[in-house]
């Protein structure tokens, strides 16, 4: 298969255009200008709100004027991750793609199909003249990945439709009617630096090659957290011998499981061989623990150049906190029919040490709002006990299922008729903007759908090509029938 053979042609053409436009979270100016230009080029009413969200309205095709207005919604930003050695400036360079079997992939970076493929479907609808539909509103929100600031900043009345189809899901044939709420917890440790004690030997521990993944959708898949691995080894050695921490860097996005990182530390020269022995044992333990989910991990230990170290008291507290703080699944849903769904979780997302401070970012999620507050308080308490300054945002709400949803009924019925198989109508542990829309538009009937993606929020991100055609055909049928 070549890129010219990708179907549906119009959708993949739009996706290719989008991937030429840099659009990191919080830096969406170029894609906003592009979307505004498309609306104006097509002569369609186009509005950019004060937050940066874009809405393009298109009238019904002849004979469909009496249909209700349907909102199609995607987010324009993307998570920007790359493998070490890949030279790319995400604020200026395009995404390079290639085809491998039935998958569209990126060259050692995130692909941006989350949620560029949703945006591409909306643009394809706007450009098409042969698709039957009632009035539609194509909405493109900004900064979904790092703060949901587009959805948070959207004012009531920006959208006017009766139904909303969110195109930000990652499994064809699965339709989401609820999602978890979430909040971020950031801890800052402040310290001074000093020379390492005389006779100390510097070493660097490195973790790379982990799967990583989405901290909502993949949190229950027993994937190794690179930051937790580094913290675990540092804590283990700190309990055995004097250890001075110089720096630790791991993770990028708050909603991604960290894949790689490094820690530089010093120990008495007399202990360096013991550290190497311990590291080899640690390697074997990690390989055994994650032999199913992590097949390509690399854990490396090497000597390092001497440098200033962090104040010993604070460094010990950092390591203790990283070892102690909750990470992974906290609880599963209690309802029998949803017992497979994660209810509450926390992700230790990143740490970066600077000259006088270390910043740790975590995210907590739950479909039960009281439990979201509980797990966030648990994480906050851990960092407070360790002497950190702690900040928590307002977060975003859970999206609760809507009783007697006409949109869900139409979505499920058209799927059965088109493909002769039963869809999955379920909730998701990841956060969706639908929860925020429900607050401002309480009567809005919503569903979330999308083609199959894998490796989201990592350089392994890939899009299943055949699933795009299935979702496209289904979407067009929904627009006819709603």
Protein backbone atom coordinates (compact mmCIF):
# COMPACT_ATOMS: atom_id res chain seq x y z
CA UNK A 1 0.00 0.00 0.00
CA UNK A 2 1.22 3.48 -0.89
CA UNK A 3 0.06 6.78 0.54
CA UNK A 4 -1.89 7.45 -2.67
CA UNK A 5 -3.89 4.27 -2.05
CA UNK A 6 -5.06 5.23 1.44
CA UNK A 7 -8.86 5.19 1.80
CA UNK A 8 -10.94 7.25 2.29
CA UNK A 9 -8.81 9.45 0.08
CA UNK A 10 -10.22 12.78 1.19
CA UNK A 11 -9.67 12.01 4.89
CA UNK A 12 -6.05 10.93 4.46
CA UNK A 13 -5.37 13.93 2.22
CA UNK A 14 -6.57 16.20 5.01
CA UNK A 15 -4.53 14.30 7.60
CA UNK A 16 -1.40 14.70 5.45
CA UNK A 17 -2.00 18.46 5.30
CA UNK A 18 -2.48 18.64 9.06
CA UNK A 19 0.78 16.81 9.68
CA UNK A 20 2.65 19.50 7.77
CA UNK A 21 1.50 22.02 10.38
CA UNK A 22 3.27 22.11 13.78
CA UNK A 23 0.72 21.90 16.61
CA UNK A 24 2.24 21.09 20.00
CA UNK A 25 -0.04 21.62 22.96
CA UNK A 26 -0.09 25.31 23.96
CA UNK A 27 1.52 26.25 20.63
CA UNK A 28 -1.43 25.82 18.24
CA UNK A 29 -1.23 29.22 16.53
CA UNK A 30 -0.33 27.76 13.12
CA UNK A 31 -3.10 25.16 13.08
CA UNK A 32 -5.64 27.74 14.31
CA UNK A 33 -4.69 30.00 11.39
CA UNK A 34 -4.94 27.08 8.98
CA UNK A 35 -8.42 26.04 10.19
CA UNK A 36 -9.66 29.63 10.05
CA UNK A 37 -8.30 29.88 6.51
CA UNK A 38 -10.11 26.69 5.42
CA UNK A 39 -13.42 28.02 6.70
CA UNK A 40 -12.95 31.34 4.94
CA UNK A 41 -11.78 29.64 1.74
CA UNK A 42 -14.98 27.55 1.68
CA UNK A 43 -17.14 30.58 2.44
CA UNK A 44 -18.44 29.03 5.67
CA UNK A 45 -19.24 30.92 8.89
CA UNK A 46 -16.06 30.60 10.99
CA UNK A 47 -15.37 31.83 14.52
CA UNK A 48 -12.25 31.69 16.69
CA UNK A 49 -13.08 32.30 20.34
CA UNK A 50 -10.86 34.11 22.83
CA UNK A 51 -9.38 30.79 24.01
CA UNK A 52 -8.41 29.71 20.48
CA UNK A 53 -11.15 27.18 19.77
CA UNK A 54 -12.37 27.18 16.17
CA UNK A 55 -15.92 26.50 14.97
CA UNK A 56 -16.91 26.19 11.29
CA UNK A 57 -20.60 25.88 10.48
CA UNK A 58 -22.00 24.23 7.37
CA UNK A 59 -25.63 24.32 6.28
CA UNK A 60 -27.64 21.18 5.63
CA UNK A 61 -27.63 19.57 2.22
CA UNK A 62 -30.86 20.13 0.23
CA UNK A 63 -33.75 18.19 1.71
CA UNK A 64 -32.05 17.78 5.11
CA UNK A 65 -32.78 21.23 6.50
CA UNK A 66 -35.20 19.90 9.10
CA UNK A 67 -32.58 17.62 10.66
CA UNK A 68 -31.16 18.55 14.08
CA UNK A 69 -27.75 20.23 14.20
CA UNK A 70 -24.86 17.83 14.91
CA UNK A 71 -21.57 18.99 16.42
CA UNK A 72 -18.41 17.15 15.32
CA UNK A 73 -15.55 17.81 17.73
CA UNK A 74 -11.82 17.05 17.84
CA UNK A 75 -8.80 18.63 19.49
CA UNK A 76 -6.17 20.25 17.30
CA UNK A 77 -3.07 19.78 19.50
CA UNK A 78 -0.83 16.71 19.77
CA UNK A 79 1.55 15.13 22.26
CA UNK A 80 5.11 15.65 21.01
CA UNK A 81 7.44 12.76 21.86
CA UNK A 82 10.47 11.48 19.97
CA UNK A 83 13.08 8.80 20.37
CA UNK A 84 16.57 9.83 21.38
CA UNK A 85 18.62 10.56 18.29
CA UNK A 86 15.66 11.86 16.26
CA UNK A 87 16.29 15.46 15.26
CA UNK A 88 12.97 17.33 15.22
CA UNK A 89 11.70 20.73 16.29
CA UNK A 90 8.01 20.13 17.00
CA UNK A 91 7.24 23.86 16.86
CA UNK A 92 8.52 24.17 13.28
CA UNK A 93 8.97 20.78 11.62
CA UNK A 94 6.33 18.55 9.98
CA UNK A 95 5.60 14.98 11.06
CA UNK A 96 7.19 12.42 8.72
CA UNK A 97 5.00 9.37 8.09
CA UNK A 98 5.36 5.95 6.48
CA UNK A 99 3.22 2.84 5.97
CA UNK A 100 3.99 -0.48 7.60
CA UNK A 101 1.48 -3.17 6.65
CA UNK A 102 -1.96 -1.90 7.65
CA UNK A 103 -0.58 0.85 9.87
CA UNK A 104 0.33 4.48 9.27
CA UNK A 105 3.35 5.34 11.45
CA UNK A 106 5.67 8.27 12.13
CA UNK A 107 9.45 8.34 11.87
CA UNK A 108 10.49 7.95 15.54
CA UNK A 109 7.97 10.51 16.78
CA UNK A 110 4.36 10.62 17.83
CA UNK A 111 2.11 10.50 14.78
CA UNK A 112 -0.46 13.09 15.84
CA UNK A 113 -3.40 10.90 14.85
CA UNK A 114 -4.53 11.71 18.40
CA UNK A 115 -6.44 13.75 17.43
CA UNK A 116 -5.37 14.84 13.95
CA UNK A 117 -7.37 12.07 12.32
CA UNK A 118 -10.53 13.42 13.97
CA UNK A 119 -9.73 16.89 12.66
CA UNK A 120 -9.13 15.39 9.21
CA UNK A 121 -12.58 13.80 9.18
CA UNK A 122 -14.18 17.13 10.08
CA UNK A 123 -12.27 18.95 7.34
CA UNK A 124 -13.20 16.24 4.83
CA UNK A 125 -16.88 16.78 5.67
CA UNK A 126 -16.52 20.52 5.28
CA UNK A 127 -14.86 20.18 1.87
CA UNK A 128 -17.24 17.50 0.51
CA UNK A 129 -20.22 18.33 -1.66
CA UNK A 130 -21.66 14.81 -2.04
CA UNK A 131 -22.40 13.85 1.58
CA UNK A 132 -25.92 14.01 2.99
CA UNK A 133 -26.19 15.72 6.34
CA UNK A 134 -28.25 18.14 8.37
CA UNK A 135 -26.73 21.33 9.78
CA UNK A 136 -23.27 20.62 11.21
CA UNK A 137 -20.85 22.49 13.43
CA UNK A 138 -17.21 21.40 13.20
CA UNK A 139 -15.43 22.30 16.44
CA UNK A 140 -11.66 22.16 16.93
CA UNK A 141 -10.48 22.68 20.52
CA UNK A 142 -6.98 23.63 21.59
CA UNK A 143 -4.67 22.28 24.30
CA UNK A 144 -6.59 19.14 25.17
CA UNK A 145 -3.49 17.15 25.98
CA UNK A 146 -1.87 19.33 28.65
CA UNK A 147 -4.73 21.06 30.38
CA UNK A 148 -8.04 20.89 28.48
CA UNK A 149 -7.79 24.66 28.38
CA UNK A 150 -9.75 24.91 25.15
CA UNK A 151 -12.75 23.08 26.57
CA UNK A 152 -12.39 24.86 29.93
CA UNK A 153 -12.29 28.27 28.26
CA UNK A 154 -15.21 27.63 25.90
CA UNK A 155 -18.21 29.74 26.86
CA UNK A 156 -21.80 28.56 26.77
CA UNK A 157 -23.38 29.40 23.41
CA UNK A 158 -20.24 28.84 21.33
CA UNK A 159 -21.78 25.56 20.13
CA UNK A 160 -25.50 25.44 19.29
CA UNK A 161 -26.07 21.85 18.13
CA UNK A 162 -28.33 19.22 19.68
CA UNK A 163 -25.93 16.28 19.43
CA UNK A 164 -22.13 16.03 19.74
CA UNK A 165 -19.89 13.36 18.25
CA UNK A 166 -16.43 13.48 19.82
CA UNK A 167 -13.87 12.00 17.39
CA UNK A 168 -11.13 11.36 19.95
CA UNK A 169 -11.42 7.65 20.76
CA UNK A 170 -8.93 4.95 19.86
CA UNK A 171 -10.78 1.70 19.12
CA UNK A 172 -13.04 1.25 16.12
CA UNK A 173 -16.30 -0.39 17.15
CA UNK A 174 -16.15 0.97 20.69
CA UNK A 175 -18.39 3.89 21.55
CA UNK A 176 -17.77 5.76 24.75
CA UNK A 177 -20.58 7.29 26.78
CA UNK A 178 -18.63 8.24 29.91
CA UNK A 179 -15.09 9.08 31.00
CA UNK A 180 -13.01 9.68 34.11
CA UNK A 181 -12.40 13.06 35.66
CA UNK A 182 -8.86 14.09 36.47
CA UNK A 183 -6.54 16.49 38.27
CA UNK A 184 -2.79 17.15 38.20
CA UNK A 185 -0.61 17.34 41.30
CA UNK A 186 2.75 19.12 41.00
CA UNK A 187 5.38 18.96 43.74
CA UNK A 188 8.38 21.29 43.91
CA UNK A 189 11.43 20.52 46.05
CA UNK A 190 13.82 23.42 46.66
CA UNK A 191 17.45 22.91 47.61
CA UNK A 192 21.00 24.20 47.47
CA UNK A 193 23.90 22.41 45.83
CA UNK A 194 27.31 21.47 47.21
CA UNK A 195 30.40 19.47 46.37
CA UNK A 196 30.17 15.73 46.80
CA UNK A 197 32.14 14.32 49.74
CA UNK A 198 35.75 13.48 48.99
CA UNK A 199 36.25 9.98 47.66
CA UNK A 200 32.79 9.66 46.10
CA UNK A 201 32.37 8.08 42.66
CA UNK A 202 29.74 9.33 40.17
CA UNK A 203 27.47 7.01 38.22
CA UNK A 204 24.59 7.42 35.76
CA UNK A 205 21.60 5.06 35.64
CA UNK A 206 19.59 5.13 32.43
CA UNK A 207 16.25 3.58 31.52
CA UNK A 208 15.00 3.53 27.93
CA UNK A 209 13.04 1.42 25.46
CA UNK A 210 9.93 1.07 27.63
CA UNK A 211 6.48 1.01 26.03
CA UNK A 212 5.08 3.95 27.94
CA UNK A 213 1.58 4.80 26.80
CA UNK A 214 -1.49 6.80 27.73
CA UNK A 215 -1.83 7.25 31.48
CA UNK A 216 -5.57 6.68 31.28
CA UNK A 217 -6.07 4.06 28.61
CA UNK A 218 -2.92 2.04 29.37
CA UNK A 219 -2.58 2.42 33.14
CA UNK A 220 -3.90 -1.11 33.80
CA UNK A 221 -1.68 -2.88 31.27
CA UNK A 222 1.27 -3.43 33.63
CA UNK A 223 3.69 -1.34 31.66
CA UNK A 224 6.81 -0.26 33.48
CA UNK A 225 7.02 3.35 34.64
CA UNK A 226 10.57 4.55 33.92
CA UNK A 227 10.55 7.06 36.78
CA UNK A 228 9.36 4.44 39.25
CA UNK A 229 12.19 2.14 38.16
CA UNK A 230 14.84 4.81 38.67
CA UNK A 231 13.37 5.80 42.05
CA UNK A 232 13.21 2.18 43.13
CA UNK A 233 16.90 1.62 42.48
CA UNK A 234 17.96 4.89 44.09
CA UNK A 235 15.87 4.11 47.17
CA UNK A 236 17.33 0.61 47.40
CA UNK A 237 20.91 1.89 47.27
CA UNK A 238 20.18 4.82 49.56
CA UNK A 239 19.12 2.32 52.24
CA UNK A 240 22.44 0.48 51.93
CA UNK A 241 25.03 3.23 51.68
CA UNK A 242 25.59 6.98 51.57
CA UNK A 243 24.21 8.15 48.20
CA UNK A 244 24.27 11.71 46.89
CA UNK A 245 21.83 12.64 44.14
CA UNK A 246 23.03 15.08 41.48
CA UNK A 247 20.22 15.05 38.93
CA UNK A 248 17.27 13.03 37.71
CA UNK A 249 15.26 13.58 34.55
CA UNK A 250 12.41 11.37 33.39
CA UNK A 251 9.09 11.81 31.57
CA UNK A 252 7.52 14.61 29.58
CA UNK A 253 3.72 14.78 29.40
CA UNK A 254 1.48 14.52 32.48
CA UNK A 255 -0.78 12.07 30.65
CA UNK A 256 1.94 9.72 29.43
CA UNK A 257 3.59 6.85 31.29
CA UNK A 258 7.31 7.80 31.29
CA UNK A 259 9.38 5.67 28.92
CA UNK A 260 12.95 6.80 29.52
CA UNK A 261 15.07 8.78 31.93
CA UNK A 262 18.42 9.18 33.66
CA UNK A 263 19.68 9.68 37.19
CA UNK A 264 23.18 10.82 38.13
CA UNK A 265 24.32 10.02 41.68
CA UNK A 266 27.49 9.49 43.70
CA UNK A 267 28.48 6.80 46.19
CA UNK A 268 31.67 6.10 48.12
CA UNK A 269 34.30 4.73 45.72
CA UNK A 270 34.56 1.64 47.90
CA UNK A 271 30.89 0.86 47.12
CA UNK A 272 30.88 1.28 43.35
CA UNK A 273 31.36 -2.42 42.61
CA UNK A 274 28.52 -3.28 44.99
CA UNK A 275 26.30 -0.82 43.11
CA UNK A 276 27.13 -2.57 39.84
CA UNK A 277 26.29 -5.93 41.37
CA UNK A 278 23.02 -4.56 42.70
CA UNK A 279 22.23 -3.09 39.29
CA UNK A 280 22.65 -6.47 37.59
CA UNK A 281 20.31 -8.06 40.12
CA UNK A 282 17.88 -5.21 39.55
CA UNK A 283 18.04 -5.80 35.78
CA UNK A 284 17.09 -9.43 36.25
CA UNK A 285 14.23 -8.55 38.58
CA UNK A 286 12.78 -5.99 36.17
CA UNK A 287 13.10 -8.36 33.21
CA UNK A 288 11.21 -11.04 35.13
CA UNK A 289 8.51 -8.68 36.41
CA UNK A 290 7.79 -7.21 32.98
CA UNK A 291 8.63 -10.16 30.71
CA UNK A 292 5.17 -9.99 29.10
CA UNK A 293 4.74 -6.25 28.58
CA UNK A 294 8.29 -4.94 28.16
CA UNK A 295 10.42 -6.73 25.61
CA UNK A 296 12.76 -3.96 24.50
CA UNK A 297 13.74 -2.18 27.68
CA UNK A 298 17.33 -1.12 28.20
CA UNK A 299 18.65 -0.40 31.69
CA UNK A 300 22.20 0.92 31.62
CA UNK A 301 24.69 1.90 34.32
CA UNK A 302 27.88 3.82 33.59
CA UNK A 303 30.39 6.06 35.29
CA UNK A 304 29.70 9.81 35.13
CA UNK A 305 31.55 13.08 35.44
CA UNK A 306 31.63 14.68 38.91
CA UNK A 307 29.27 17.59 39.51
CA UNK A 308 27.59 19.46 42.33
CA UNK A 309 25.08 17.38 44.29
CA UNK A 310 21.74 18.25 45.85
CA UNK A 311 21.57 19.02 49.56
CA UNK A 312 21.53 15.60 51.22
CA UNK A 313 18.42 16.07 53.34
CA UNK A 314 16.30 17.22 50.40
CA UNK A 315 17.73 14.59 48.07
CA UNK A 316 16.77 11.84 50.49
CA UNK A 317 13.25 13.25 50.73
CA UNK A 318 12.93 13.34 46.93
CA UNK A 319 13.90 9.70 46.64
CA UNK A 320 11.62 8.68 49.52
CA UNK A 321 8.68 10.52 47.96
CA UNK A 322 9.24 8.99 44.52
CA UNK A 323 9.37 5.54 46.07
CA UNK A 324 6.28 6.09 48.22
CA UNK A 325 3.87 7.99 45.97
CA UNK A 326 0.97 6.04 44.46
CA UNK A 327 1.34 4.97 40.84
CA UNK A 328 -0.92 2.78 38.74
CA UNK A 329 -4.39 1.40 39.40
CA UNK A 330 -5.87 2.45 42.75
CA UNK A 331 -9.25 0.70 42.38
CA UNK A 332 -11.51 -0.94 39.79
CA UNK A 333 -15.20 -0.18 39.25
CA UNK A 334 -17.47 -1.91 41.75
CA UNK A 335 -20.46 -2.43 39.42
CA UNK A 336 -20.38 -6.00 38.14
CA UNK A 337 -20.98 -5.03 34.50
CA UNK A 338 -18.09 -2.53 34.69
CA UNK A 339 -15.69 -4.58 36.81
CA UNK A 340 -13.17 -4.56 33.94
CA UNK A 341 -12.96 -0.73 33.97
CA UNK A 342 -10.41 1.18 36.06
CA UNK A 343 -12.20 3.47 38.49
CA UNK A 344 -9.29 5.37 40.06
CA UNK A 345 -5.59 5.68 39.21
CA UNK A 346 -2.51 7.85 39.54
CA UNK A 347 0.41 8.36 37.18
CA UNK A 348 3.88 9.47 38.32
CA UNK A 349 4.52 11.34 35.09
CA UNK A 350 7.80 13.26 35.27
CA UNK A 351 10.60 14.77 37.27
CA UNK A 352 13.19 17.32 36.21
CA UNK A 353 15.95 18.70 38.43
CA UNK A 354 17.26 22.22 37.93
CA UNK A 355 19.98 24.14 39.72
CA UNK A 356 17.91 24.88 42.82
CA UNK A 357 14.68 22.90 42.46
CA UNK A 358 13.16 19.62 41.32
CA UNK A 359 9.65 19.56 39.84
CA UNK A 360 7.56 16.38 39.94
CA UNK A 361 4.34 16.13 37.91
CA UNK A 362 1.63 13.53 38.55
CA UNK A 363 -1.95 13.04 37.36
CA UNK A 364 -4.90 11.42 39.11
CA UNK A 365 -8.10 10.10 37.48
CA UNK A 366 -11.40 8.63 38.60
CA UNK A 367 -14.92 8.23 37.24
CA UNK A 368 -16.13 8.80 40.83
CA UNK A 369 -15.46 12.42 41.72
CA UNK A 370 -15.12 11.79 45.45
CA UNK A 371 -12.44 9.20 44.68
CA UNK A 372 -10.70 11.63 42.35
CA UNK A 373 -10.42 13.99 45.30
CA UNK A 374 -9.29 11.16 47.58
CA UNK A 375 -6.45 9.92 45.36
CA UNK A 376 -5.34 13.51 44.69
CA UNK A 377 -5.26 14.15 48.44
CA UNK A 378 -3.28 10.94 48.98
CA UNK A 379 -0.63 12.02 46.48
CA UNK A 380 -0.54 15.55 47.86
CA UNK A 381 -0.10 14.26 51.41
CA UNK A 382 2.86 12.10 50.36
CA UNK A 383 4.69 15.07 48.88
CA UNK A 384 3.82 17.36 51.78
CA UNK A 385 5.28 14.82 54.20
CA UNK A 386 8.45 14.91 52.11
CA UNK A 387 8.68 18.68 52.50
CA UNK A 388 7.64 19.71 48.98
CA UNK A 389 5.52 22.64 47.90
CA UNK A 390 2.39 21.17 46.28
CA UNK A 391 0.02 22.66 43.72
CA UNK A 392 -3.17 21.15 42.35
CA UNK A 393 -5.32 22.54 39.56
CA UNK A 394 -9.10 22.47 39.42
CA UNK A 395 -8.96 19.46 37.13
CA UNK A 396 -11.82 18.35 34.93
CA UNK A 397 -15.05 16.52 35.71
CA UNK A 398 -16.10 12.99 34.89
CA UNK A 399 -18.64 12.52 32.09
CA UNK A 400 -21.58 10.50 33.35
CA UNK A 401 -23.69 8.29 31.04
CA UNK A 402 -26.90 9.85 29.73
CA UNK A 403 -30.08 7.86 30.19
CA UNK A 404 -32.13 7.15 27.03
CA UNK A 405 -29.60 8.70 24.65
CA UNK A 406 -31.03 8.94 21.13
CA UNK A 407 -27.56 9.52 19.69
CA UNK A 408 -26.19 6.37 21.32
CA UNK A 409 -29.17 4.37 20.03
CA UNK A 410 -28.64 5.61 16.47
CA UNK A 411 -24.87 5.04 16.71
CA UNK A 412 -25.31 1.43 17.86
CA UNK A 413 -28.11 0.58 15.43
CA UNK A 414 -26.35 1.97 12.33
CA UNK A 415 -23.19 0.09 13.32
CA UNK A 416 -25.10 -3.21 13.51
CA UNK A 417 -26.72 -2.61 10.15
CA UNK A 418 -23.52 -1.55 8.38
CA UNK A 419 -21.14 -4.19 9.72
CA UNK A 420 -23.41 -6.99 10.99
CA UNK A 421 -21.72 -7.09 14.38
CA UNK A 422 -22.39 -5.83 17.85
CA UNK A 423 -20.69 -2.60 18.97
CA UNK A 424 -19.26 -2.05 22.43
CA UNK A 425 -20.94 0.82 24.26
CA UNK A 426 -18.71 1.49 27.25
CA UNK A 427 -16.95 4.00 29.51
CA UNK A 428 -13.26 4.93 29.36
CA UNK A 429 -10.75 5.71 32.09
CA UNK A 430 -9.06 8.39 30.01
CA UNK A 431 -10.33 11.95 30.18
CA UNK A 432 -12.45 13.39 27.36
CA UNK A 433 -13.59 16.94 26.80
CA UNK A 434 -17.19 15.70 26.94
CA UNK A 435 -17.16 16.01 30.73
CA UNK A 436 -16.55 19.76 30.46
CA UNK A 437 -19.09 20.17 27.66
CA UNK A 438 -21.71 18.44 29.83
CA UNK A 439 -21.25 21.14 32.51
CA UNK A 440 -22.02 24.02 30.13
CA UNK A 441 -24.44 22.17 27.86
CA UNK A 442 -26.39 19.89 30.21
CA UNK A 443 -28.90 18.89 27.50
CA UNK A 444 -26.27 17.96 24.92
CA UNK A 445 -26.50 14.32 23.80
CA UNK A 446 -22.93 12.99 23.23
CA UNK A 447 -20.95 9.96 22.12
CA UNK A 448 -17.22 9.45 21.46
CA UNK A 449 -15.83 7.34 18.61
CA UNK A 450 -12.78 7.02 16.39
CA UNK A 451 -10.48 4.70 14.42
CA UNK A 452 -8.04 2.30 16.02
CA UNK A 453 -4.82 3.82 17.38
CA UNK A 454 -2.00 2.13 19.24
CA UNK A 455 1.00 3.50 21.14
CA UNK A 456 -0.74 6.83 21.74
CA UNK A 457 1.43 9.50 23.43
CA UNK A 458 4.61 7.61 22.45
CA UNK A 459 6.85 7.41 19.35
CA UNK A 460 5.17 4.02 18.78
CA UNK A 461 1.88 5.77 17.93
CA UNK A 462 0.28 4.28 14.83
CA UNK A 463 -3.06 4.43 13.03
CA UNK A 464 -4.85 1.33 11.73
CA UNK A 465 -5.62 2.31 8.14
CA UNK A 466 -8.65 0.04 7.44
CA UNK A 467 -10.40 1.27 10.60
CA UNK A 468 -10.49 4.82 9.24
CA UNK A 469 -12.74 3.76 6.36
CA UNK A 470 -15.05 1.93 8.78
CA UNK A 471 -15.39 4.95 11.06
CA UNK A 472 -15.88 7.28 8.09
CA UNK A 473 -18.66 5.12 6.61
CA UNK A 474 -20.31 4.85 10.00
CA UNK A 475 -20.08 8.59 10.67
CA UNK A 476 -21.75 9.41 7.35
CA UNK A 477 -24.57 6.97 8.10
CA UNK A 478 -25.15 8.53 11.52
CA UNK A 479 -25.38 11.99 9.94
CA UNK A 480 -28.02 10.68 7.53
CA UNK A 481 -30.08 8.99 10.20
CA UNK A 482 -29.92 11.21 13.29
